[in-house]
Amino acid sequence: MSDKISNVDAFDREYREWIKNISSRFRQSQIKAATHVNEEMLRFYWTLGRDIVLMINRRTLVTLVMSKAVFTDGKQPYKRPDRTVHSCDKTGMPQTGTI
């Protein structure tokens, strides 16, 4: 009878160790997955910000080129383009001013 009890105790310890091992591996997998998701989201937001800046710069360049083409076509005297500055205040709200 005591052999059966010791076998049950050994199985019980082995089972508990197995469950601990599974739990630990599961937590490690969750951390790895979260890290990969965070990396991808960071990469996405960085490229989104870069794309926005490029779009704004391209739009500003096109506006400048078009304003020069309109004002230097030989039919009108050159007029200085509007020098409006677009920026954000501390709260992130857009503000417009002139130079």
PDB file of N, CA and C in Angstrom:
ATOM      1  N   MET A   1       0.821  -1.198   0.000  1.00  0.00           N
ATOM      2  CA  MET A   1       0.000   0.000   0.000  1.00  0.00           C
ATOM      3  C   MET A   1       0.860   1.255   0.000  1.00  0.00           C
ATOM      4  N   SER A   2       1.951   1.226   0.777  1.00  0.00           N
ATOM      5  CA  SER A   2       2.794   2.418   0.831  1.00  0.00           C
ATOM      6  C   SER A   2       3.497   2.657  -0.505  1.00  0.00           C
ATOM      7  N   ASP A   3       3.740   1.590  -1.306  1.00  0.00           N
ATOM      8  CA  ASP A   3       4.318   1.765  -2.640  1.00  0.00           C
ATOM      9  C   ASP A   3       3.359   2.538  -3.535  1.00  0.00           C
ATOM     10  N   LYS A   4       2.055   2.265  -3.395  1.00  0.00           N
ATOM     11  CA  LYS A   4       1.063   2.974  -4.199  1.00  0.00           C
ATOM     12  C   LYS A   4       1.024   4.444  -3.810  1.00  0.00           C
ATOM     13  N   ILE A   5       1.098   4.699  -2.506  1.00  0.00           N
ATOM     14  CA  ILE A   5       1.064   6.088  -2.026  1.00  0.00           C
ATOM     15  C   ILE A   5       2.293   6.841  -2.503  1.00  0.00           C
ATOM     16  N   SER A   6       3.455   6.228  -2.423  1.00  0.00           N
ATOM     17  CA  SER A   6       4.671   6.908  -2.886  1.00  0.00           C
ATOM     18  C   SER A   6       4.631   7.127  -4.398  1.00  0.00           C
ATOM     19  N   ASN A   7       4.042   6.182  -5.131  1.00  0.00           N
ATOM     20  CA  ASN A   7       3.883   6.366  -6.577  1.00  0.00           C
ATOM     21  C   ASN A   7       2.959   7.533  -6.875  1.00  0.00           C
ATOM     22  N   VAL A   8       1.873   7.669  -6.119  1.00  0.00           N
ATOM     23  CA  VAL A   8       0.925   8.776  -6.286  1.00  0.00           C
ATOM     24  C   VAL A   8       1.617  10.088  -5.942  1.00  0.00           C
ATOM     25  N   ASP A   9       2.384  10.107  -4.855  1.00  0.00           N
ATOM     26  CA  ASP A   9       3.113  11.323  -4.467  1.00  0.00           C
ATOM     27  C   ASP A   9       4.113  11.726  -5.547  1.00  0.00           C
ATOM     28  N   ALA A  10       4.831  10.756  -6.083  1.00  0.00           N
ATOM     29  CA  ALA A  10       5.811  11.037  -7.137  1.00  0.00           C
ATOM     30  C   ALA A  10       5.101  11.572  -8.379  1.00  0.00           C
ATOM     31  N   PHE A  11       3.980  10.949  -8.739  1.00  0.00           N
ATOM     32  CA  PHE A  11       3.206  11.404  -9.883  1.00  0.00           C
ATOM     33  C   PHE A  11       2.676  12.815  -9.640  1.00  0.00           C
ATOM     34  N   ASP A  12       2.202  13.050  -8.412  1.00  0.00           N
ATOM     35  CA  ASP A  12       1.672  14.357  -8.045  1.00  0.00           C
ATOM     36  C   ASP A  12       2.752  15.443  -8.183  1.00  0.00           C
ATOM     37  N   ARG A  13       3.955  15.178  -7.666  1.00  0.00           N
ATOM     38  CA  ARG A  13       5.058  16.145  -7.778  1.00  0.00           C
ATOM     39  C   ARG A  13       5.433  16.366  -9.244  1.00  0.00           C
ATOM     40  N   GLU A  14       5.501  15.295  -9.984  1.00  0.00           N
ATOM     41  CA  GLU A  14       5.842  15.379 -11.405  1.00  0.00           C
ATOM     42  C   GLU A  14       4.783  16.179 -12.170  1.00  0.00           C
ATOM     43  N   TYR A  15       3.526  15.939 -11.857  1.00  0.00           N
ATOM     44  CA  TYR A  15       2.417  16.647 -12.506  1.00  0.00           C
ATOM     45  C   TYR A  15       2.484  18.141 -12.186  1.00  0.00           C
ATOM     46  N   ARG A  16       2.696  18.480 -10.893  1.00  0.00           N
ATOM     47  CA  ARG A  16       2.789  19.891 -10.514  1.00  0.00           C
ATOM     48  C   ARG A  16       3.966  20.572 -11.213  1.00  0.00           C
ATOM     49  N   GLU A  17       5.080  19.897 -11.323  1.00  0.00           N
ATOM     50  CA  GLU A  17       6.254  20.451 -12.010  1.00  0.00           C
ATOM     51  C   GLU A  17       5.949  20.667 -13.489  1.00  0.00           C
ATOM     52  N   TRP A  18       5.245  19.709 -14.087  1.00  0.00           N
ATOM     53  CA  TRP A  18       4.852  19.820 -15.491  1.00  0.00           C
ATOM     54  C   TRP A  18       3.942  21.033 -15.719  1.00  0.00           C
ATOM     55  N   ILE A  19       2.971  21.237 -14.822  1.00  0.00           N
ATOM     56  CA  ILE A  19       2.059  22.384 -14.914  1.00  0.00           C
ATOM     57  C   ILE A  19       2.837  23.697 -14.761  1.00  0.00           C
ATOM     58  N   LYS A  20       3.782  23.761 -13.824  1.00  0.00           N
ATOM     59  CA  LYS A  20       4.611  24.955 -13.660  1.00  0.00           C
ATOM     60  C   LYS A  20       5.390  25.252 -14.934  1.00  0.00           C
ATOM     61  N   ASN A  21       5.946  24.195 -15.529  1.00  0.00           N
ATOM     62  CA  ASN A  21       6.714  24.351 -16.753  1.00  0.00           C
ATOM     63  C   ASN A  21       5.838  24.894 -17.880  1.00  0.00           C
ATOM     64  N   ILE A  22       4.658  24.346 -18.028  1.00  0.00           N
ATOM     65  CA  ILE A  22       3.729  24.806 -19.069  1.00  0.00           C
ATOM     66  C   ILE A  22       3.358  26.269 -18.819  1.00  0.00           C
ATOM     67  N   SER A  23       3.051  26.603 -17.571  1.00  0.00           N
ATOM     68  CA  SER A  23       2.684  27.990 -17.241  1.00  0.00           C
ATOM     69  C   SER A  23       3.818  28.952 -17.568  1.00  0.00           C
ATOM     70  N   SER A  24       5.022  28.569 -17.234  1.00  0.00           N
ATOM     71  CA  SER A  24       6.182  29.415 -17.508  1.00  0.00           C
ATOM     72  C   SER A  24       6.386  29.604 -19.007  1.00  0.00           C
ATOM     73  N   ARG A  25       6.300  28.536 -19.778  1.00  0.00           N
ATOM     74  CA  ARG A  25       6.454  28.635 -21.225  1.00  0.00           C
ATOM     75  C   ARG A  25       5.344  29.480 -21.845  1.00  0.00           C
ATOM     76  N   PHE A  26       4.134  29.350 -21.306  1.00  0.00           N
ATOM     77  CA  PHE A  26       3.002  30.137 -21.806  1.00  0.00           C
ATOM     78  C   PHE A  26       3.254  31.625 -21.569  1.00  0.00           C
ATOM     79  N   ARG A  27       3.701  31.990 -20.355  1.00  0.00           N
ATOM     80  CA  ARG A  27       3.994  33.392 -20.049  1.00  0.00           C
ATOM     81  C   ARG A  27       5.099  33.930 -20.946  1.00  0.00           C
ATOM     82  N   GLN A  28       6.138  33.135 -21.166  1.00  0.00           N
ATOM     83  CA  GLN A  28       7.230  33.570 -22.038  1.00  0.00           C
ATOM     84  C   GLN A  28       6.731  33.798 -23.468  1.00  0.00           C
ATOM     85  N   SER A  29       5.852  32.935 -23.921  1.00  0.00           N
ATOM     86  CA  SER A  29       5.283  33.101 -25.262  1.00  0.00           C
ATOM     87  C   SER A  29       4.439  34.372 -25.350  1.00  0.00           C
ATOM     88  N   GLN A  30       3.683  34.660 -24.294  1.00  0.00           N
ATOM     89  CA  GLN A  30       2.882  35.886 -24.278  1.00  0.00           C
ATOM     90  C   GLN A  30       3.778  37.118 -24.347  1.00  0.00           C
ATOM     91  N   ILE A  31       4.867  37.100 -23.594  1.00  0.00           N
ATOM     92  CA  ILE A  31       5.785  38.242 -23.589  1.00  0.00           C
ATOM     93  C   ILE A  31       6.424  38.413 -24.958  1.00  0.00           C
ATOM     94  N   LYS A  32       6.852  37.326 -25.573  1.00  0.00           N
ATOM     95  CA  LYS A  32       7.440  37.404 -26.909  1.00  0.00           C
ATOM     96  C   LYS A  32       6.431  37.957 -27.915  1.00  0.00           C
ATOM     97  N   ALA A  33       5.201  37.476 -27.833  1.00  0.00           N
ATOM     98  CA  ALA A  33       4.165  37.942 -28.762  1.00  0.00           C
ATOM     99  C   ALA A  33       3.899  39.433 -28.565  1.00  0.00           C
ATOM    100  N   ALA A  34       3.788  39.871 -27.319  1.00  0.00           N
ATOM    101  CA  ALA A  34       3.547  41.285 -27.049  1.00  0.00           C
ATOM    102  C   ALA A  34       4.702  42.140 -27.553  1.00  0.00           C
ATOM    103  N   THR A  35       5.925  41.660 -27.390  1.00  0.00           N
ATOM    104  CA  THR A  35       7.096  42.394 -27.866  1.00  0.00           C
ATOM    105  C   THR A  35       7.061  42.545 -29.378  1.00  0.00           C
ATOM    106  N   HIS A  36       6.724  41.473 -30.071  1.00  0.00           N
ATOM    107  CA  HIS A  36       6.655  41.541 -31.538  1.00  0.00           C
ATOM    108  C   HIS A  36       5.541  42.476 -32.001  1.00  0.00           C
ATOM    109  N   VAL A  37       4.401  42.422 -31.327  1.00  0.00           N
ATOM    110  CA  VAL A  37       3.290  43.317 -31.679  1.00  0.00           C
ATOM    111  C   VAL A  37       3.709  44.764 -31.448  1.00  0.00           C
ATOM    112  N   ASN A  38       4.356  45.050 -30.318  1.00  0.00           N
ATOM    113  CA  ASN A  38       4.799  46.412 -30.033  1.00  0.00           C
ATOM    114  C   ASN A  38       5.800  46.901 -31.078  1.00  0.00           C
ATOM    115  N   GLU A  39       6.725  46.026 -31.482  1.00  0.00           N
ATOM    116  CA  GLU A  39       7.692  46.403 -32.520  1.00  0.00           C
ATOM    117  C   GLU A  39       6.981  46.759 -33.816  1.00  0.00           C
ATOM    118  N   GLU A  40       6.027  45.935 -34.207  1.00  0.00           N
ATOM    119  CA  GLU A  40       5.304  46.188 -35.459  1.00  0.00           C
ATOM    120  C   GLU A  40       4.485  47.468 -35.379  1.00  0.00           C
ATOM    121  N   MET A  41       3.828  47.707 -34.253  1.00  0.00           N
ATOM    122  CA  MET A  41       3.041  48.927 -34.115  1.00  0.00           C
ATOM    123  C   MET A  41       3.938  50.162 -34.127  1.00  0.00           C
ATOM    124  N   LEU A  42       5.085  50.086 -33.473  1.00  0.00           N
ATOM    125  CA  LEU A  42       6.038  51.186 -33.483  1.00  0.00           C
ATOM    126  C   LEU A  42       6.520  51.455 -34.902  1.00  0.00           C
ATOM    127  N   ARG A  43       6.835  50.403 -35.641  1.00  0.00           N
ATOM    128  CA  ARG A  43       7.272  50.541 -37.036  1.00  0.00           C
ATOM    129  C   ARG A  43       6.156  51.173 -37.878  1.00  0.00           C
ATOM    130  N   PHE A  44       4.910  50.738 -37.669  1.00  0.00           N
ATOM    131  CA  PHE A  44       3.777  51.296 -38.414  1.00  0.00           C
ATOM    132  C   PHE A  44       3.615  52.785 -38.129  1.00  0.00           C
ATOM    133  N   TYR A  45       3.606  53.165 -36.835  1.00  0.00           N
ATOM    134  CA  TYR A  45       3.418  54.572 -36.497  1.00  0.00           C
ATOM    135  C   TYR A  45       4.576  55.434 -36.982  1.00  0.00           C
ATOM    136  N   TRP A  46       5.797  54.914 -36.973  1.00  0.00           N
ATOM    137  CA  TRP A  46       6.935  55.673 -37.468  1.00  0.00           C
ATOM    138  C   TRP A  46       6.774  55.932 -38.959  1.00  0.00           C
ATOM    139  N   THR A  47       6.407  54.888 -39.725  1.00  0.00           N
ATOM    140  CA  THR A  47       6.240  55.083 -41.169  1.00  0.00           C
ATOM    141  C   THR A  47       5.040  55.971 -41.473  1.00  0.00           C
ATOM    142  N   LEU A  48       3.995  55.887 -40.661  1.00  0.00           N
ATOM    143  CA  LEU A  48       2.839  56.764 -40.849  1.00  0.00           C
ATOM    144  C   LEU A  48       3.255  58.221 -40.651  1.00  0.00           C
ATOM    145  N   GLY A  49       4.002  58.504 -39.604  1.00  0.00           N
ATOM    146  CA  GLY A  49       4.493  59.862 -39.359  1.00  0.00           C
ATOM    147  C   GLY A  49       5.373  60.341 -40.497  1.00  0.00           C
ATOM    148  N   ARG A  50       6.276  59.467 -40.975  1.00  0.00           N
ATOM    149  CA  ARG A  50       7.147  59.822 -42.100  1.00  0.00           C
ATOM    150  C   ARG A  50       6.317  60.139 -43.337  1.00  0.00           C
ATOM    151  N   ASP A  51       5.292  59.321 -43.615  1.00  0.00           N
ATOM    152  CA  ASP A  51       4.443  59.551 -44.786  1.00  0.00           C
ATOM    153  C   ASP A  51       3.693  60.871 -44.684  1.00  0.00           C
ATOM    154  N   ILE A  52       3.222  61.195 -43.494  1.00  0.00           N
ATOM    155  CA  ILE A  52       2.510  62.463 -43.297  1.00  0.00           C
ATOM    156  C   ILE A  52       3.444  63.637 -43.554  1.00  0.00           C
ATOM    157  N   VAL A  53       4.653  63.574 -43.004  1.00  0.00           N
ATOM    158  CA  VAL A  53       5.620  64.655 -43.216  1.00  0.00           C
ATOM    159  C   VAL A  53       5.957  64.781 -44.699  1.00  0.00           C
ATOM    160  N   LEU A  54       6.177  63.663 -45.380  1.00  0.00           N
ATOM    161  CA  LEU A  54       6.478  63.705 -46.814  1.00  0.00           C
ATOM    162  C   LEU A  54       5.321  64.303 -47.610  1.00  0.00           C
ATOM    163  N   MET A  55       4.096  63.936 -47.255  1.00  0.00           N
ATOM    164  CA  MET A  55       2.931  64.476 -47.953  1.00  0.00           C
ATOM    165  C   MET A  55       2.825  65.981 -47.742  1.00  0.00           C
ATOM    166  N   ILE A  56       3.035  66.423 -46.517  1.00  0.00           N
ATOM    167  CA  ILE A  56       2.967  67.863 -46.223  1.00  0.00           C
ATOM    168  C   ILE A  56       4.061  68.597 -46.997  1.00  0.00           C
ATOM    169  N   ASN A  57       5.281  68.064 -46.991  1.00  0.00           N
ATOM    170  CA  ASN A  57       6.378  68.716 -47.715  1.00  0.00           C
ATOM    171  C   ASN A  57       6.113  68.758 -49.215  1.00  0.00           C
ATOM    172  N   ARG A  58       5.606  67.660 -49.762  1.00  0.00           N
ATOM    173  CA  ARG A  58       5.315  67.615 -51.198  1.00  0.00           C
ATOM    174  C   ARG A  58       4.213  68.616 -51.545  1.00  0.00           C
ATOM    175  N   ARG A  59       3.198  68.684 -50.704  1.00  0.00           N
ATOM    176  CA  ARG A  59       2.095  69.615 -50.945  1.00  0.00           C
ATOM    177  C   ARG A  59       2.589  71.045 -50.869  1.00  0.00           C
ATOM    178  N   THR A  60       3.449  71.353 -49.907  1.00  0.00           N
ATOM    179  CA  THR A  60       4.007  72.697 -49.765  1.00  0.00           C
ATOM    180  C   THR A  60       4.846  73.041 -50.987  1.00  0.00           C
ATOM    181  N   LEU A  61       5.663  72.090 -51.466  1.00  0.00           N
ATOM    182  CA  LEU A  61       6.499  72.319 -52.641  1.00  0.00           C
ATOM    183  C   LEU A  61       5.642  72.575 -53.867  1.00  0.00           C
ATOM    184  N   VAL A  62       4.604  71.778 -54.071  1.00  0.00           N
ATOM    185  CA  VAL A  62       3.712  71.972 -55.217  1.00  0.00           C
ATOM    186  C   VAL A  62       3.053  73.339 -55.136  1.00  0.00           C
ATOM    187  N   THR A  63       2.628  73.753 -53.955  1.00  0.00           N
ATOM    188  CA  THR A  63       2.004  75.065 -53.773  1.00  0.00           C
ATOM    189  C   THR A  63       2.979  76.171 -54.132  1.00  0.00           C
ATOM    190  N   LEU A  64       4.232  76.045 -53.683  1.00  0.00           N
ATOM    191  CA  LEU A  64       5.229  77.073 -54.003  1.00  0.00           C
ATOM    192  C   LEU A  64       5.510  77.128 -55.503  1.00  0.00           C
ATOM    193  N   VAL A  65       5.667  75.974 -56.126  1.00  0.00           N
ATOM    194  CA  VAL A  65       5.947  75.936 -57.564  1.00  0.00           C
ATOM    195  C   VAL A  65       4.785  76.526 -58.341  1.00  0.00           C
ATOM    196  N   MET A  66       3.579  76.147 -57.979  1.00  0.00           N
ATOM    197  CA  MET A  66       2.398  76.658 -58.682  1.00  0.00           C
ATOM    198  C   MET A  66       2.260  78.162 -58.490  1.00  0.00           C
ATOM    199  N   SER A  67       2.507  78.681 -57.303  1.00  0.00           N
ATOM    200  CA  SER A  67       2.367  80.119 -57.075  1.00  0.00           C
ATOM    201  C   SER A  67       3.406  80.881 -57.882  1.00  0.00           C
ATOM    202  N   LYS A  68       4.620  80.346 -58.016  1.00  0.00           N
ATOM    203  CA  LYS A  68       5.648  81.009 -58.833  1.00  0.00           C
ATOM    204  C   LYS A  68       5.262  80.960 -60.307  1.00  0.00           C
ATOM    205  N   ALA A  69       4.710  79.847 -60.771  1.00  0.00           N
ATOM    206  CA  ALA A  69       4.316  79.732 -62.174  1.00  0.00           C
ATOM    207  C   ALA A  69       3.205  80.716 -62.500  1.00  0.00           C
ATOM    208  N   VAL A  70       2.261  80.894 -61.605  1.00  0.00           N
ATOM    209  CA  VAL A  70       1.141  81.812 -61.830  1.00  0.00           C
ATOM    210  C   VAL A  70       1.627  83.247 -61.842  1.00  0.00           C
ATOM    211  N   PHE A  71       2.532  83.593 -60.958  1.00  0.00           N
ATOM    212  CA  PHE A  71       2.952  84.985 -60.826  1.00  0.00           C
ATOM    213  C   PHE A  71       4.086  85.371 -61.771  1.00  0.00           C
ATOM    214  N   THR A  72       4.698  84.443 -62.455  1.00  0.00           N
ATOM    215  CA  THR A  72       5.805  84.782 -63.360  1.00  0.00           C
ATOM    216  C   THR A  72       5.494  84.391 -64.795  1.00  0.00           C
ATOM    217  N   ASP A  73       4.225  84.338 -65.158  1.00  0.00           N
ATOM    218  CA  ASP A  73       3.875  83.935 -66.518  1.00  0.00           C
ATOM    219  C   ASP A  73       4.000  85.087 -67.517  1.00  0.00           C
ATOM    220  N   GLY A  74       4.469  86.249 -67.091  1.00  0.00           N
ATOM    221  CA  GLY A  74       4.667  87.373 -67.997  1.00  0.00           C
ATOM    222  C   GLY A  74       3.456  88.264 -68.136  1.00  0.00           C
ATOM    223  N   LYS A  75       2.327  87.855 -67.663  1.00  0.00           N
ATOM    224  CA  LYS A  75       1.111  88.652 -67.794  1.00  0.00           C
ATOM    225  C   LYS A  75       0.856  89.513 -66.562  1.00  0.00           C
ATOM    226  N   GLN A  76       1.356  89.062 -65.434  1.00  0.00           N
ATOM    227  CA  GLN A  76       1.156  89.813 -64.184  1.00  0.00           C
ATOM    228  C   GLN A  76       2.507  90.088 -63.552  1.00  0.00           C
ATOM    229  N   PRO A  77       2.627  91.192 -62.870  1.00  0.00           N
ATOM    230  CA  PRO A  77       3.863  91.412 -62.131  1.00  0.00           C
ATOM    231  C   PRO A  77       3.979  90.387 -61.001  1.00  0.00           C
ATOM    232  N   TYR A  78       5.211  90.104 -60.629  1.00  0.00           N
ATOM    233  CA  TYR A  78       5.447  89.126 -59.557  1.00  0.00           C
ATOM    234  C   TYR A  78       4.861  89.620 -58.253  1.00  0.00           C
ATOM    235  N   LYS A  79       4.094  88.780 -57.603  1.00  0.00           N
ATOM    236  CA  LYS A  79       3.555  89.074 -56.275  1.00  0.00           C
ATOM    237  C   LYS A  79       4.168  88.077 -55.310  1.00  0.00           C
ATOM    238  N   ARG A  80       4.520  88.572 -54.186  1.00  0.00           N
ATOM    239  CA  ARG A  80       5.084  87.688 -53.161  1.00  0.00           C
ATOM    240  C   ARG A  80       4.000  86.732 -52.688  1.00  0.00           C
ATOM    241  N   PRO A  81       4.285  85.428 -52.664  1.00  0.00           N
ATOM    242  CA  PRO A  81       3.270  84.480 -52.195  1.00  0.00           C
ATOM    243  C   PRO A  81       2.955  84.691 -50.716  1.00  0.00           C
ATOM    244  N   ASP A  82       1.774  84.278 -50.352  1.00  0.00           N
ATOM    245  CA  ASP A  82       1.364  84.352 -48.956  1.00  0.00           C
ATOM    246  C   ASP A  82       2.356  83.562 -48.115  1.00  0.00           C
ATOM    247  N   ARG A  83       2.839  84.141 -47.056  1.00  0.00           N
ATOM    248  CA  ARG A  83       3.830  83.454 -46.225  1.00  0.00           C
ATOM    249  C   ARG A  83       3.166  83.018 -44.925  1.00  0.00           C
ATOM    250  N   THR A  84       2.125  82.231 -45.047  1.00  0.00           N
ATOM    251  CA  THR A  84       1.400  81.740 -43.881  1.00  0.00           C
ATOM    252  C   THR A  84       2.164  80.581 -43.262  1.00  0.00           C
ATOM    253  N   VAL A  85       2.255  80.603 -41.961  1.00  0.00           N
ATOM    254  CA  VAL A  85       2.948  79.548 -41.228  1.00  0.00           C
ATOM    255  C   VAL A  85       1.907  78.708 -40.511  1.00  0.00           C
ATOM    256  N   HIS A  86       1.992  77.414 -40.692  1.00  0.00           N
ATOM    257  CA  HIS A  86       1.085  76.498 -40.007  1.00  0.00           C
ATOM    258  C   HIS A  86       1.880  75.759 -38.946  1.00  0.00           C
ATOM    259  N   SER A  87       1.403  75.813 -37.732  1.00  0.00           N
ATOM    260  CA  SER A  87       2.091  75.122 -36.646  1.00  0.00           C
ATOM    261  C   SER A  87       1.058  74.672 -35.628  1.00  0.00           C
ATOM    262  N   CYS A  88       1.525  74.026 -34.571  1.00  0.00           N
ATOM    263  CA  CYS A  88       0.643  73.563 -33.506  1.00  0.00           C
ATOM    264  C   CYS A  88       1.070  74.199 -32.194  1.00  0.00           C
ATOM    265  N   ASP A  89       0.083  74.464 -31.341  1.00  0.00           N
ATOM    266  CA  ASP A  89       0.421  74.977 -30.017  1.00  0.00           C
ATOM    267  C   ASP A  89       0.752  73.811 -29.090  1.00  0.00           C
ATOM    268  N   LYS A  90       0.927  74.088 -27.813  1.00  0.00           N
ATOM    269  CA  LYS A  90       1.329  73.052 -26.853  1.00  0.00           C
ATOM    270  C   LYS A  90       0.313  71.934 -26.750  1.00  0.00           C
ATOM    271  N   THR A  91      -0.956  72.218 -27.006  1.00  0.00           N
ATOM    272  CA  THR A  91      -1.992  71.189 -26.885  1.00  0.00           C
ATOM    273  C   THR A  91      -2.148  70.381 -28.176  1.00  0.00           C
ATOM    274  N   GLY A  92      -1.405  70.777 -29.230  1.00  0.00           N
ATOM    275  CA  GLY A  92      -1.512  70.054 -30.487  1.00  0.00           C
ATOM    276  C   GLY A  92      -2.545  70.635 -31.438  1.00  0.00           C
ATOM    277  N   MET A  93      -3.189  71.744 -31.035  1.00  0.00           N
ATOM    278  CA  MET A  93      -4.192  72.378 -31.895  1.00  0.00           C
ATOM    279  C   MET A  93      -3.488  73.199 -32.970  1.00  0.00           C
ATOM    280  N   PRO A  94      -3.980  73.146 -34.210  1.00  0.00           N
ATOM    281  CA  PRO A  94      -3.332  73.901 -35.275  1.00  0.00           C
ATOM    282  C   PRO A  94      -3.488  75.409 -35.072  1.00  0.00           C
ATOM    283  N   GLN A  95      -2.437  76.134 -35.441  1.00  0.00           N
ATOM    284  CA  GLN A  95      -2.477  77.590 -35.392  1.00  0.00           C
ATOM    285  C   GLN A  95      -1.905  78.104 -36.701  1.00  0.00           C
ATOM    286  N   THR A  96      -2.400  79.254 -37.146  1.00  0.00           N
ATOM    287  CA  THR A  96      -1.929  79.854 -38.374  1.00  0.00           C
ATOM    288  C   THR A  96      -1.478  81.266 -38.072  1.00  0.00           C
ATOM    289  N   GLY A  97      -0.361  81.655 -38.649  1.00  0.00           N
ATOM    290  CA  GLY A  97       0.151  83.009 -38.487  1.00  0.00           C
ATOM    291  C   GLY A  97       0.866  83.407 -39.756  1.00  0.00           C
ATOM    292  N   THR A  98       1.267  84.648 -39.862  1.00  0.00           N
ATOM    293  CA  THR A  98       2.008  85.096 -41.037  1.00  0.00           C
ATOM    294  C   THR A  98       3.364  85.586 -40.621  1.00  0.00           C
ATOM    295  N   ILE A  99       4.289  85.508 -41.556  1.00  0.00           N
ATOM    296  CA  ILE A  99       5.660  85.980 -41.303  1.00  0.00           C
ATOM    297  C   ILE A  99       5.740  87.427 -41.709  1.00  0.00           C
TER     298      ILE A  99
END
